[in-house]
PDB file of N, CA and C in Angstrom:
ATOM      1  N   MET A   1      94.618 113.581 100.348  1.00  0.00           N
ATOM      2  CA  MET A   1      95.652 112.372 100.297  1.00  0.00           C
ATOM      3  C   MET A   1      95.782 111.958 101.498  1.00  0.00           C
ATOM      4  N   PHE A   2      95.975 112.819 102.810  1.00  0.00           N
ATOM      5  CA  PHE A   2      96.462 112.279 104.230  1.00  0.00           C
ATOM      6  C   PHE A   2      95.447 113.290 104.929  1.00  0.00           C
ATOM      7  N   GLU A   3      95.089 112.469 106.342  1.00  0.00           N
ATOM      8  CA  GLU A   3      94.413 113.251 107.233  1.00  0.00           C
ATOM      9  C   GLU A   3      94.805 112.759 108.756  1.00  0.00           C
ATOM     10  N   LEU A   4      95.425 113.550 108.814  1.00  0.00           N
ATOM     11  CA  LEU A   4      95.868 113.573 110.345  1.00  0.00           C
ATOM     12  C   LEU A   4      95.470 114.246 111.482  1.00  0.00           C
ATOM     13  N   ASP A   5      95.101 113.347 112.990  1.00  0.00           N
ATOM     14  CA  ASP A   5      94.669 113.747 113.560  1.00  0.00           C
ATOM     15  C   ASP A   5      95.845 114.641 114.818  1.00  0.00           C
ATOM     16  N   VAL A   6      95.366 115.956 114.923  1.00  0.00           N
ATOM     17  CA  VAL A   6      96.538 116.775 115.577  1.00  0.00           C
ATOM     18  C   VAL A   6      96.093 116.640 117.187  1.00  0.00           C
ATOM     19  N   ARG A   7      94.842 115.820 117.432  1.00  0.00           N
ATOM     20  CA  ARG A   7      94.229 115.636 118.710  1.00  0.00           C
ATOM     21  C   ARG A   7      95.089 114.562 119.643  1.00  0.00           C
ATOM     22  N   SER A   8      95.584 113.709 118.584  1.00  0.00           N
ATOM     23  CA  SER A   8      96.094 112.320 118.609  1.00  0.00           C
ATOM     24  C   SER A   8      97.274 112.551 119.907  1.00  0.00           C
ATOM     25  N   ARG A   9      97.382 111.276 120.575  1.00  0.00           N
ATOM     26  CA  ARG A   9      98.582 111.644 121.547  1.00  0.00           C
ATOM     27  C   ARG A   9     100.050 111.136 120.204  1.00  0.00           C
ATOM     28  N   LYS A  10      99.291 110.246 119.480  1.00  0.00           N
ATOM     29  CA  LYS A  10     100.500 109.847 118.483  1.00  0.00           C
ATOM     30  C   LYS A  10     101.029 110.788 117.855  1.00  0.00           C
ATOM     31  N   PRO A  11     102.309 111.118 118.046  1.00  0.00           N
ATOM     32  CA  PRO A  11     103.112 111.716 116.511  1.00  0.00           C
ATOM     33  C   PRO A  11     102.342 112.101 115.332  1.00  0.00           C
ATOM     34  N   ILE A  12     102.624 113.371 115.013  1.00  0.00           N
ATOM     35  CA  ILE A  12     102.305 113.729 113.933  1.00  0.00           C
ATOM     36  C   ILE A  12     103.085 112.694 112.963  1.00  0.00           C
ATOM     37  N   TYR A  13     104.595 112.847 112.803  1.00  0.00           N
ATOM     38  CA  TYR A  13     105.230 111.850 111.833  1.00  0.00           C
ATOM     39  C   TYR A  13     104.930 110.469 112.141  1.00  0.00           C
ATOM     40  N   GLU A  14     104.526 109.934 112.819  1.00  0.00           N
ATOM     41  CA  GLU A  14     104.469 108.695 113.357  1.00  0.00           C
ATOM     42  C   GLU A  14     102.831 108.480 112.473  1.00  0.00           C
ATOM     43  N   GLN A  15     101.876 109.697 112.539  1.00  0.00           N
ATOM     44  CA  GLN A  15     100.354 109.076 111.969  1.00  0.00           C
ATOM     45  C   GLN A  15     100.869 109.041 110.488  1.00  0.00           C
ATOM     46  N   LEU A  16     101.870 109.818 109.949  1.00  0.00           N
ATOM     47  CA  LEU A  16     102.184 110.520 108.329  1.00  0.00           C
ATOM     48  C   LEU A  16     102.612 108.994 108.048  1.00  0.00           C
ATOM     49  N   THR A  17     103.853 108.232 108.695  1.00  0.00           N
ATOM     50  CA  THR A  17     104.547 107.164 108.411  1.00  0.00           C
ATOM     51  C   THR A  17     103.581 106.016 108.316  1.00  0.00           C
ATOM     52  N   GLY A  18     102.592 105.705 109.204  1.00  0.00           N
ATOM     53  CA  GLY A  18     101.478 104.979 108.836  1.00  0.00           C
ATOM     54  C   GLY A  18     100.558 104.885 107.827  1.00  0.00           C
ATOM     55  N   LYS A  19     100.482 106.109 107.682  1.00  0.00           N
ATOM     56  CA  LYS A  19      99.133 106.134 106.349  1.00  0.00           C
ATOM     57  C   LYS A  19      99.411 105.772 105.209  1.00  0.00           C
ATOM     58  N   ILE A  20     101.104 106.390 105.302  1.00  0.00           N
ATOM     59  CA  ILE A  20     101.744 105.829 104.038  1.00  0.00           C
ATOM     60  C   ILE A  20     102.009 104.477 103.447  1.00  0.00           C
ATOM     61  N   LYS A  21     102.683 104.055 105.072  1.00  0.00           N
ATOM     62  CA  LYS A  21     102.734 102.375 104.510  1.00  0.00           C
ATOM     63  C   LYS A  21     101.182 102.225 104.664  1.00  0.00           C
ATOM     64  N   GLU A  22     100.107 102.301 104.694  1.00  0.00           N
ATOM     65  CA  GLU A  22      98.790 101.695 104.440  1.00  0.00           C
ATOM     66  C   GLU A  22      98.553 101.916 103.207  1.00  0.00           C
ATOM     67  N   MET A  23      98.679 102.992 102.609  1.00  0.00           N
ATOM     68  CA  MET A  23      98.593 103.278 101.532  1.00  0.00           C
ATOM     69  C   MET A  23      99.312 102.171 100.254  1.00  0.00           C
ATOM     70  N   ILE A  24     100.504 101.994 100.899  1.00  0.00           N
ATOM     71  CA  ILE A  24     101.170 101.102 100.153  1.00  0.00           C
ATOM     72  C   ILE A  24     100.941  99.921 100.025  1.00  0.00           C
ATOM     73  N   MET A  25     100.534  99.348 101.449  1.00  0.00           N
ATOM     74  CA  MET A  25      99.844  97.821 101.216  1.00  0.00           C
ATOM     75  C   MET A  25      98.708  98.057 100.649  1.00  0.00           C
ATOM     76  N   HIS A  26      98.003  98.628 100.724  1.00  0.00           N
ATOM     77  CA  HIS A  26      96.624  98.902 100.109  1.00  0.00           C
ATOM     78  C   HIS A  26      96.804  99.047  98.336  1.00  0.00           C
ATOM     79  N   GLY A  27      97.699  99.253  97.681  1.00  0.00           N
ATOM     80  CA  GLY A  27      98.054  99.450  96.362  1.00  0.00           C
ATOM     81  C   GLY A  27      97.783 100.903  96.130  1.00  0.00           C
ATOM     82  N   ILE A  28      97.185 101.738  97.241  1.00  0.00           N
ATOM     83  CA  ILE A  28      97.329 103.037  96.497  1.00  0.00           C
ATOM     84  C   ILE A  28      97.981 103.970  96.025  1.00  0.00           C
ATOM     85  N   LEU A  29      99.475 103.624  96.825  1.00  0.00           N
ATOM     86  CA  LEU A  29     100.927 103.934  96.786  1.00  0.00           C
ATOM     87  C   LEU A  29     101.441 102.458  95.514  1.00  0.00           C
ATOM     88  N   ARG A  30     101.619 103.219  94.444  1.00  0.00           N
ATOM     89  CA  ARG A  30     102.183 102.038  93.520  1.00  0.00           C
ATOM     90  C   ARG A  30     104.108 101.488  93.362  1.00  0.00           C
ATOM     91  N   ALA A  31     104.968 101.406  93.375  1.00  0.00           N
ATOM     92  CA  ALA A  31     106.357 101.169  92.985  1.00  0.00           C
ATOM     93  C   ALA A  31     106.783 102.172  92.688  1.00  0.00           C
ATOM     94  N   ASP A  32     107.836 102.863  92.796  1.00  0.00           N
ATOM     95  CA  ASP A  32     108.522 103.569  91.583  1.00  0.00           C
ATOM     96  C   ASP A  32     107.277 105.247  91.689  1.00  0.00           C
ATOM     97  N   GLU A  33     106.173 105.225  92.246  1.00  0.00           N
ATOM     98  CA  GLU A  33     105.252 106.123  92.512  1.00  0.00           C
ATOM     99  C   GLU A  33     106.187 107.188  93.167  1.00  0.00           C
ATOM    100  N   GLN A  34     105.766 108.647  92.823  1.00  0.00           N
ATOM    101  CA  GLN A  34     106.709 109.468  93.386  1.00  0.00           C
ATOM    102  C   GLN A  34     105.747 110.349  94.938  1.00  0.00           C
ATOM    103  N   LEU A  35     106.374 111.007  95.574  1.00  0.00           N
ATOM    104  CA  LEU A  35     105.469 111.404  96.483  1.00  0.00           C
ATOM    105  C   LEU A  35     105.862 112.310  96.842  1.00  0.00           C
ATOM    106  N   PRO A  36     104.561 113.214  97.139  1.00  0.00           N
ATOM    107  CA  PRO A  36     104.470 114.509  97.299  1.00  0.00           C
ATOM    108  C   PRO A  36     106.006 115.035  97.851  1.00  0.00           C
ATOM    109  N   SER A  37     106.788 116.280  97.219  1.00  0.00           N
ATOM    110  CA  SER A  37     107.783 116.917  98.049  1.00  0.00           C
ATOM    111  C   SER A  37     107.383 117.115  99.450  1.00  0.00           C
ATOM    112  N   VAL A  38     108.463 117.476 100.053  1.00  0.00           N
ATOM    113  CA  VAL A  38     108.346 117.663 101.667  1.00  0.00           C
ATOM    114  C   VAL A  38     107.267 119.097 101.957  1.00  0.00           C
ATOM    115  N   ARG A  39     108.189 120.035 100.809  1.00  0.00           N
ATOM    116  CA  ARG A  39     107.665 120.977 100.947  1.00  0.00           C
ATOM    117  C   ARG A  39     105.827 121.701 100.516  1.00  0.00           C
ATOM    118  N   THR A  40     105.188 120.285  99.976  1.00  0.00           N
ATOM    119  CA  THR A  40     104.154 120.591  99.243  1.00  0.00           C
ATOM    120  C   THR A  40     103.047 119.616 100.168  1.00  0.00           C
ATOM    121  N   LEU A  41     103.560 118.599 100.578  1.00  0.00           N
ATOM    122  CA  LEU A  41     103.385 117.836 101.603  1.00  0.00           C
ATOM    123  C   LEU A  41     102.497 118.811 103.165  1.00  0.00           C
ATOM    124  N   SER A  42     103.732 119.742 103.328  1.00  0.00           N
ATOM    125  CA  SER A  42     103.827 120.412 104.565  1.00  0.00           C
ATOM    126  C   SER A  42     102.672 121.208 104.517  1.00  0.00           C
ATOM    127  N   SER A  43     102.561 122.186 103.264  1.00  0.00           N
ATOM    128  CA  SER A  43     101.860 123.562 103.049  1.00  0.00           C
ATOM    129  C   SER A  43     100.054 122.493 102.903  1.00  0.00           C
ATOM    130  N   GLN A  44     100.212 121.650 102.735  1.00  0.00           N
ATOM    131  CA  GLN A  44      98.796 121.077 102.200  1.00  0.00           C
ATOM    132  C   GLN A  44      98.311 120.641 103.948  1.00  0.00           C
ATOM    133  N   LEU A  45      99.642 119.872 104.901  1.00  0.00           N
ATOM    134  CA  LEU A  45      99.102 119.749 106.094  1.00  0.00           C
ATOM    135  C   LEU A  45      99.058 120.617 106.744  1.00  0.00           C
ATOM    136  N   THR A  46      99.297 121.415 106.722  1.00  0.00           N
ATOM    137  CA  THR A  46      99.963 122.525 107.357  1.00  0.00           C
ATOM    138  C   THR A  46     100.741 122.097 108.776  1.00  0.00           C
ATOM    139  N   VAL A  47     101.514 121.177 107.940  1.00  0.00           N
ATOM    140  CA  VAL A  47     102.677 120.550 108.998  1.00  0.00           C
ATOM    141  C   VAL A  47     104.546 121.043 108.878  1.00  0.00           C
ATOM    142  N   ASN A  48     105.181 121.089 109.915  1.00  0.00           N
ATOM    143  CA  ASN A  48     106.263 121.514 109.944  1.00  0.00           C
ATOM    144  C   ASN A  48     107.186 120.678 109.019  1.00  0.00           C
ATOM    145  N   PRO A  49     108.006 121.767 107.740  1.00  0.00           N
ATOM    146  CA  PRO A  49     108.449 120.662 106.877  1.00  0.00           C
ATOM    147  C   PRO A  49     109.412 119.666 107.728  1.00  0.00           C
ATOM    148  N   ASN A  50     109.938 119.553 108.839  1.00  0.00           N
ATOM    149  CA  ASN A  50     111.317 118.696 109.278  1.00  0.00           C
ATOM    150  C   ASN A  50     110.506 117.582 109.678  1.00  0.00           C
ATOM    151  N   THR A  51     109.311 117.614 109.871  1.00  0.00           N
ATOM    152  CA  THR A  51     108.004 116.742 110.603  1.00  0.00           C
ATOM    153  C   THR A  51     107.520 115.493 109.171  1.00  0.00           C
ATOM    154  N   ILE A  52     107.298 116.185 107.988  1.00  0.00           N
ATOM    155  CA  ILE A  52     107.046 115.592 106.834  1.00  0.00           C
ATOM    156  C   ILE A  52     108.461 115.320 106.643  1.00  0.00           C
ATOM    157  N   GLN A  53     109.973 115.958 106.585  1.00  0.00           N
ATOM    158  CA  GLN A  53     111.122 115.060 106.597  1.00  0.00           C
ATOM    159  C   GLN A  53     111.734 113.987 107.326  1.00  0.00           C
ATOM    160  N   LYS A  54     111.248 114.000 108.714  1.00  0.00           N
ATOM    161  CA  LYS A  54     111.202 112.781 109.816  1.00  0.00           C
ATOM    162  C   LYS A  54     110.278 111.634 109.273  1.00  0.00           C
ATOM    163  N   ALA A  55     109.458 111.904 108.829  1.00  0.00           N
ATOM    164  CA  ALA A  55     108.734 110.571 108.385  1.00  0.00           C
ATOM    165  C   ALA A  55     109.137 109.977 106.775  1.00  0.00           C
ATOM    166  N   TYR A  56     109.515 110.896 106.379  1.00  0.00           N
ATOM    167  CA  TYR A  56     110.440 110.360 104.821  1.00  0.00           C
ATOM    168  C   TYR A  56     111.683 109.546 104.942  1.00  0.00           C
ATOM    169  N   ARG A  57     112.138 109.888 106.379  1.00  0.00           N
ATOM    170  CA  ARG A  57     113.614 109.276 106.650  1.00  0.00           C
ATOM    171  C   ARG A  57     113.319 108.132 107.080  1.00  0.00           C
ATOM    172  N   GLU A  58     112.240 108.477 108.361  1.00  0.00           N
ATOM    173  CA  GLU A  58     112.155 106.607 108.548  1.00  0.00           C
ATOM    174  C   GLU A  58     111.201 105.767 107.744  1.00  0.00           C
ATOM    175  N   LEU A  59     110.954 106.258 107.003  1.00  0.00           N
ATOM    176  CA  LEU A  59     109.937 105.143 105.666  1.00  0.00           C
ATOM    177  C   LEU A  59     111.468 105.134 104.869  1.00  0.00           C
ATOM    178  N   GLU A  60     112.349 105.223 104.587  1.00  0.00           N
ATOM    179  CA  GLU A  60     113.018 105.278 104.162  1.00  0.00           C
ATOM    180  C   GLU A  60     114.081 104.368 104.302  1.00  0.00           C
ATOM    181  N   ARG A  61     114.231 104.822 106.184  1.00  0.00           N
ATOM    182  CA  ARG A  61     114.945 103.317 106.613  1.00  0.00           C
ATOM    183  C   ARG A  61     114.384 102.451 106.562  1.00  0.00           C
ATOM    184  N   GLU A  62     113.111 102.341 106.801  1.00  0.00           N
ATOM    185  CA  GLU A  62     112.556 100.989 106.580  1.00  0.00           C
ATOM    186  C   GLU A  62     112.537 100.344 105.177  1.00  0.00           C
ATOM    187  N   GLU A  63     112.594 101.296 104.467  1.00  0.00           N
ATOM    188  CA  GLU A  63     112.687 101.023 103.080  1.00  0.00           C
ATOM    189  C   GLU A  63     111.477 100.114 102.225  1.00  0.00           C
ATOM    190  N   TYR A  64     110.233 101.417 102.668  1.00  0.00           N
ATOM    191  CA  TYR A  64     109.456 101.851 101.994  1.00  0.00           C
ATOM    192  C   TYR A  64     109.409 102.361 101.113  1.00  0.00           C
ATOM    193  N   ILE A  65     110.069 103.392 100.907  1.00  0.00           N
ATOM    194  CA  ILE A  65     110.540 104.681  99.966  1.00  0.00           C
ATOM    195  C   ILE A  65     111.929 105.029  99.770  1.00  0.00           C
ATOM    196  N   TYR A  66     112.466 105.252  98.802  1.00  0.00           N
ATOM    197  CA  TYR A  66     113.313 105.801  98.263  1.00  0.00           C
ATOM    198  C   TYR A  66     113.975 107.373  97.797  1.00  0.00           C
ATOM    199  N   SER A  67     114.889 107.901  98.106  1.00  0.00           N
ATOM    200  CA  SER A  67     115.253 109.381  97.540  1.00  0.00           C
ATOM    201  C   SER A  67     116.064 109.478  96.236  1.00  0.00           C
ATOM    202  N   LEU A  68     115.869 110.050  95.525  1.00  0.00           N
ATOM    203  CA  LEU A  68     116.168 110.161  94.375  1.00  0.00           C
ATOM    204  C   LEU A  68     116.964 112.027  94.549  1.00  0.00           C
ATOM    205  N   PRO A  69     118.204 112.008  94.675  1.00  0.00           N
ATOM    206  CA  PRO A  69     118.645 113.312  94.970  1.00  0.00           C
ATOM    207  C   PRO A  69     118.712 114.396  93.778  1.00  0.00           C
ATOM    208  N   GLY A  70     117.332 115.111  94.410  1.00  0.00           N
ATOM    209  CA  GLY A  70     116.786 116.801  93.113  1.00  0.00           C
ATOM    210  C   GLY A  70     115.757 115.953  92.477  1.00  0.00           C
ATOM    211  N   LYS A  71     115.109 114.798  92.358  1.00  0.00           N
ATOM    212  CA  LYS A  71     113.922 114.048  92.100  1.00  0.00           C
ATOM    213  C   LYS A  71     113.258 114.338  93.097  1.00  0.00           C
ATOM    214  N   GLY A  72     112.987 114.010  94.493  1.00  0.00           N
ATOM    215  CA  GLY A  72     112.273 113.875  95.344  1.00  0.00           C
ATOM    216  C   GLY A  72     112.273 112.345  95.988  1.00  0.00           C
ATOM    217  N   SER A  73     110.802 111.561  96.795  1.00  0.00           N
ATOM    218  CA  SER A  73     111.318 110.523  97.378  1.00  0.00           C
ATOM    219  C   SER A  73     110.158 109.524  96.512  1.00  0.00           C
ATOM    220  N   PHE A  74     110.389 108.073  96.444  1.00  0.00           N
ATOM    221  CA  PHE A  74     109.572 107.144  95.412  1.00  0.00           C
ATOM    222  C   PHE A  74     108.996 105.960  96.535  1.00  0.00           C
ATOM    223  N   VAL A  75     108.048 105.782  96.122  1.00  0.00           N
ATOM    224  CA  VAL A  75     107.417 104.315  97.061  1.00  0.00           C
ATOM    225  C   VAL A  75     108.663 102.988  96.162  1.00  0.00           C
ATOM    226  N   ALA A  76     109.040 102.654  96.541  1.00  0.00           N
ATOM    227  CA  ALA A  76     110.368 101.839  96.950  1.00  0.00           C
ATOM    228  C   ALA A  76     109.941  99.860  96.500  1.00  0.00           C
ATOM    229  N   PRO A  77     109.843  99.313  95.165  1.00  0.00           N
ATOM    230  CA  PRO A  77     109.599  98.277  95.199  1.00  0.00           C
ATOM    231  C   PRO A  77     110.197  97.115  96.246  1.00  0.00           C
ATOM    232  N   LEU A  78     108.604  96.274  96.593  1.00  0.00           N
ATOM    233  CA  LEU A  78     109.215  95.184  97.456  1.00  0.00           C
ATOM    234  C   LEU A  78     110.216  94.302  96.884  1.00  0.00           C
ATOM    235  N   ARG A  79     111.279  94.447  97.661  1.00  0.00           N
ATOM    236  CA  ARG A  79     112.640  93.026  97.230  1.00  0.00           C
ATOM    237  C   ARG A  79     111.941  92.107  98.246  1.00  0.00           C
ATOM    238  N   GLN A  80     112.501  91.138  98.001  1.00  0.00           N
ATOM    239  CA  GLN A  80     111.711  89.594  98.699  1.00  0.00           C
ATOM    240  C   GLN A  80     112.685  89.452  99.492  1.00  0.00           C
ATOM    241  N   GLU A  81     113.989  89.964  99.969  1.00  0.00           N
ATOM    242  CA  GLU A  81     114.829  89.976 101.469  1.00  0.00           C
ATOM    243  C   GLU A  81     114.037  90.858 102.334  1.00  0.00           C
ATOM    244  N   ARG A  82     113.554  92.383 101.840  1.00  0.00           N
ATOM    245  CA  ARG A  82     112.650  93.070 103.094  1.00  0.00           C
ATOM    246  C   ARG A  82     111.545  92.300 103.078  1.00  0.00           C
ATOM    247  N   ASN A  83     110.780  91.679 102.149  1.00  0.00           N
ATOM    248  CA  ASN A  83     109.906  90.685 102.030  1.00  0.00           C
ATOM    249  C   ASN A  83     109.945  89.984 103.286  1.00  0.00           C
ATOM    250  N   GLU A  84     110.980  88.440 103.466  1.00  0.00           N
ATOM    251  CA  GLU A  84     110.780  87.759 104.261  1.00  0.00           C
ATOM    252  C   GLU A  84     111.327  88.661 105.437  1.00  0.00           C
ATOM    253  N   SER A  85     111.858  89.424 105.857  1.00  0.00           N
ATOM    254  CA  SER A  85     112.320  89.946 107.306  1.00  0.00           C
ATOM    255  C   SER A  85     110.696  90.489 108.185  1.00  0.00           C
ATOM    256  N   LYS A  86     110.001  91.005 107.173  1.00  0.00           N
ATOM    257  CA  LYS A  86     109.071  91.629 107.190  1.00  0.00           C
ATOM    258  C   LYS A  86     107.920  90.920 107.814  1.00  0.00           C
ATOM    259  N   ARG A  87     107.808  89.760 106.908  1.00  0.00           N
ATOM    260  CA  ARG A  87     107.215  88.738 107.323  1.00  0.00           C
ATOM    261  C   ARG A  87     107.230  88.271 108.775  1.00  0.00           C
ATOM    262  N   THR A  88     108.433  87.883 109.078  1.00  0.00           N
ATOM    263  CA  THR A  88     108.814  86.991 110.030  1.00  0.00           C
ATOM    264  C   THR A  88     108.784  88.129 111.245  1.00  0.00           C
ATOM    265  N   GLU A  89     108.768  89.618 111.151  1.00  0.00           N
ATOM    266  CA  GLU A  89     108.469  90.690 111.984  1.00  0.00           C
ATOM    267  C   GLU A  89     106.656  90.046 112.558  1.00  0.00           C
ATOM    268  N   LEU A  90     106.037  90.346 111.554  1.00  0.00           N
ATOM    269  CA  LEU A  90     104.867  90.482 111.645  1.00  0.00           C
ATOM    270  C   LEU A  90     103.869  89.328 112.161  1.00  0.00           C
ATOM    271  N   ARG A  91     104.840  87.885 111.954  1.00  0.00           N
ATOM    272  CA  ARG A  91     104.430  86.948 112.331  1.00  0.00           C
ATOM    273  C   ARG A  91     104.325  87.236 113.717  1.00  0.00           C
ATOM    274  N   GLY A  92     105.368  87.187 114.174  1.00  0.00           N
ATOM    275  CA  GLY A  92     105.516  87.416 115.619  1.00  0.00           C
ATOM    276  C   GLY A  92     104.350  88.626 116.108  1.00  0.00           C
ATOM    277  N   GLU A  93     104.071  89.755 115.814  1.00  0.00           N
ATOM    278  CA  GLU A  93     103.259  90.488 116.030  1.00  0.00           C
ATOM    279  C   GLU A  93     101.476  89.831 115.911  1.00  0.00           C
ATOM    280  N   LEU A  94     101.728  89.296 114.814  1.00  0.00           N
ATOM    281  CA  LEU A  94     100.277  88.575 115.168  1.00  0.00           C
ATOM    282  C   LEU A  94      99.926  87.694 115.862  1.00  0.00           C
ATOM    283  N   LEU A  95     101.145  87.217 116.074  1.00  0.00           N
ATOM    284  CA  LEU A  95     101.399  86.042 117.183  1.00  0.00           C
ATOM    285  C   LEU A  95     100.838  86.377 118.253  1.00  0.00           C
ATOM    286  N   ARG A  96     101.519  87.886 119.389  1.00  0.00           N
ATOM    287  CA  ARG A  96     100.916  88.024 119.724  1.00  0.00           C
ATOM    288  C   ARG A  96      99.554  89.177 120.416  1.00  0.00           C
ATOM    289  N   LEU A  97      98.658  89.743 119.182  1.00  0.00           N
ATOM    290  CA  LEU A  97      97.669  89.984 119.240  1.00  0.00           C
ATOM    291  C   LEU A  97      96.806  88.825 118.958  1.00  0.00           C
ATOM    292  N   MET A  98      97.260  88.004 118.264  1.00  0.00           N
ATOM    293  CA  MET A  98      96.199  86.616 118.239  1.00  0.00           C
ATOM    294  C   MET A  98      96.180  85.972 119.592  1.00  0.00           C
ATOM    295  N   ALA A  99      96.543  85.717 120.426  1.00  0.00           N
ATOM    296  CA  ALA A  99      96.825  85.030 121.840  1.00  0.00           C
ATOM    297  C   ALA A  99      96.005  86.538 122.738  1.00  0.00           C
ATOM    298  N   GLU A 100      96.106  88.103 122.481  1.00  0.00           N
ATOM    299  CA  GLU A 100      95.444  89.103 123.257  1.00  0.00           C
ATOM    300  C   GLU A 100      94.021  88.648 122.937  1.00  0.00           C
ATOM    301  N   ALA A 101      93.636  88.629 121.259  1.00  0.00           N
ATOM    302  CA  ALA A 101      92.366  88.337 120.884  1.00  0.00           C
ATOM    303  C   ALA A 101      91.533  86.983 121.584  1.00  0.00           C
ATOM    304  N   VAL A 102      91.780  86.297 121.643  1.00  0.00           N
ATOM    305  CA  VAL A 102      91.691  84.915 122.276  1.00  0.00           C
ATOM    306  C   VAL A 102      91.143  85.201 124.104  1.00  0.00           C
ATOM    307  N   TYR A 103      92.308  85.497 124.377  1.00  0.00           N
ATOM    308  CA  TYR A 103      92.593  86.298 125.788  1.00  0.00           C
ATOM    309  C   TYR A 103      90.822  86.728 126.439  1.00  0.00           C
ATOM    310  N   LEU A 104      90.687  87.519 125.484  1.00  0.00           N
ATOM    311  CA  LEU A 104      89.357  88.540 124.936  1.00  0.00           C
ATOM    312  C   LEU A 104      87.968  88.059 124.950  1.00  0.00           C
ATOM    313  N   GLY A 105      88.235  86.493 124.329  1.00  0.00           N
ATOM    314  CA  GLY A 105      87.494  85.817 123.853  1.00  0.00           C
ATOM    315  C   GLY A 105      86.742  86.102 122.629  1.00  0.00           C
ATOM    316  N   PHE A 106      87.819  86.416 121.915  1.00  0.00           N
ATOM    317  CA  PHE A 106      86.895  86.111 120.374  1.00  0.00           C
ATOM    318  C   PHE A 106      86.906  84.987 119.802  1.00  0.00           C
ATOM    319  N   THR A 107      86.429  84.581 118.855  1.00  0.00           N
ATOM    320  CA  THR A 107      86.197  83.270 118.639  1.00  0.00           C
ATOM    321  C   THR A 107      87.044  82.887 117.274  1.00  0.00           C
ATOM    322  N   GLU A 108      87.607  81.731 117.229  1.00  0.00           N
ATOM    323  CA  GLU A 108      87.766  81.756 115.682  1.00  0.00           C
ATOM    324  C   GLU A 108      86.897  82.203 114.301  1.00  0.00           C
ATOM    325  N   ASN A 109      85.702  81.693 114.776  1.00  0.00           N
ATOM    326  CA  ASN A 109      84.988  82.211 113.388  1.00  0.00           C
ATOM    327  C   ASN A 109      84.884  83.956 113.234  1.00  0.00           C
ATOM    328  N   GLU A 110      85.521  84.882 113.985  1.00  0.00           N
ATOM    329  CA  GLU A 110      85.061  86.181 114.142  1.00  0.00           C
ATOM    330  C   GLU A 110      86.494  86.525 113.794  1.00  0.00           C
ATOM    331  N   ILE A 111      87.550  85.959 113.996  1.00  0.00           N
ATOM    332  CA  ILE A 111      89.155  85.968 113.529  1.00  0.00           C
ATOM    333  C   ILE A 111      88.842  85.638 112.417  1.00  0.00           C
ATOM    334  N   SER A 112      88.518  84.864 111.805  1.00  0.00           N
ATOM    335  CA  SER A 112      88.168  84.834 110.327  1.00  0.00           C
ATOM    336  C   SER A 112      87.587  85.462 109.522  1.00  0.00           C
ATOM    337  N   THR A 113      86.676  86.178 110.026  1.00  0.00           N
ATOM    338  CA  THR A 113      85.158  87.111 109.417  1.00  0.00           C
ATOM    339  C   THR A 113      86.707  88.373 109.061  1.00  0.00           C
ATOM    340  N   LEU A 114      86.929  88.620 110.472  1.00  0.00           N
ATOM    341  CA  LEU A 114      88.512  89.702 109.995  1.00  0.00           C
ATOM    342  C   LEU A 114      89.044  89.982 108.701  1.00  0.00           C
ATOM    343  N   TYR A 115      89.936  88.586 109.259  1.00  0.00           N
ATOM    344  CA  TYR A 115      90.976  88.089 107.713  1.00  0.00           C
ATOM    345  C   TYR A 115      90.036  88.695 106.352  1.00  0.00           C
ATOM    346  N   ARG A 116      88.560  87.938 106.423  1.00  0.00           N
ATOM    347  CA  ARG A 116      87.976  88.337 105.007  1.00  0.00           C
ATOM    348  C   ARG A 116      87.676  89.499 105.158  1.00  0.00           C
ATOM    349  N   GLN A 117      87.569  90.304 106.322  1.00  0.00           N
ATOM    350  CA  GLN A 117      86.763  91.861 105.818  1.00  0.00           C
ATOM    351  C   GLN A 117      88.198  92.533 104.848  1.00  0.00           C
ATOM    352  N   VAL A 118      89.447  91.941 105.669  1.00  0.00           N
ATOM    353  CA  VAL A 118      90.826  92.644 104.834  1.00  0.00           C
ATOM    354  C   VAL A 118      90.966  92.115 103.762  1.00  0.00           C
ATOM    355  N   LEU A 119      90.593  91.059 103.229  1.00  0.00           N
ATOM    356  CA  LEU A 119      90.908  90.310 101.625  1.00  0.00           C
ATOM    357  C   LEU A 119      89.868  91.692 101.175  1.00  0.00           C
ATOM    358  N   GLU A 120      88.288  91.625 101.372  1.00  0.00           N
ATOM    359  CA  GLU A 120      87.406  92.073 100.550  1.00  0.00           C
ATOM    360  C   GLU A 120      87.705  93.245 100.368  1.00  0.00           C
ATOM    361  N   GLN A 121      88.593  94.253 101.897  1.00  0.00           N
ATOM    362  CA  GLN A 121      88.650  95.672 101.447  1.00  0.00           C
ATOM    363  C   GLN A 121      90.027  95.781 100.629  1.00  0.00           C
ATOM    364  N   ARG A 122      90.904  95.230 100.380  1.00  0.00           N
ATOM    365  CA  ARG A 122      92.070  94.821  99.492  1.00  0.00           C
ATOM    366  C   ARG A 122      91.548  94.419  97.958  1.00  0.00           C
ATOM    367  N   GLU A 123      90.863  93.568  98.181  1.00  0.00           N
ATOM    368  CA  GLU A 123      90.306  93.861  96.900  1.00  0.00           C
ATOM    369  C   GLU A 123      89.391  94.957  95.988  1.00  0.00           C
ATOM    370  N   GLY A 124      88.395  95.250  96.568  1.00  0.00           N
ATOM    371  CA  GLY A 124      87.743  96.595  96.437  1.00  0.00           C
ATOM    372  C   GLY A 124      89.017  97.790  96.282  1.00  0.00           C
ATOM    373  N   GLU A 125      89.445  97.745  96.863  1.00  0.00           N
ATOM    374  CA  GLU A 125      91.046  99.351  96.665  1.00  0.00           C
ATOM    375  C   GLU A 125      91.224  98.541  95.451  1.00  0.00           C
ATOM    376  N   LYS A 126      91.807  97.977  95.145  1.00  0.00           N
ATOM    377  CA  LYS A 126      92.364  97.636  93.407  1.00  0.00           C
ATOM    378  C   LYS A 126      91.550  97.294  92.654  1.00  0.00           C
ATOM    379  N   HIS A 127      90.174  97.713  92.302  1.00  0.00           N
ATOM    380  CA  HIS A 127      89.918  97.547  91.468  1.00  0.00           C
ATOM    381  C   HIS A 127      88.847  99.568  91.752  1.00  0.00           C
ATOM    382  N   ASP A 128      89.196 100.353  92.628  1.00  0.00           N
ATOM    383  CA  ASP A 128      88.814 101.264  92.483  1.00  0.00           C
ATOM    384  C   ASP A 128      89.565 102.329  91.814  1.00  0.00           C
TER     385      ASP A 128
END
């Protein structure tokens, strides 16, 4: 389910939160779908359970998942107010990245091609 790079400079919990967010955004993990338990994921990835717990806590803080005591962690349904907040935050980040891309010589056509690739990838994943 998840592949982590133990040689990466990026902490394991950040890699895990990134992978889970990516799977949610691409529709691989759907709203109210249960995530693997901390113990299960810990043994699958051979990672300390505290690391998994830290990733789950971060995802819950960011409202990507929610926990039910005694039942586990689940993918949170997208709420409109969170969506707008996240869109505003992402818009700023995209502007920063686009400015850097233009500075590095990306053309409008190259940027449009990248956007279309993301759309095609998302559509391909919906059909899998």
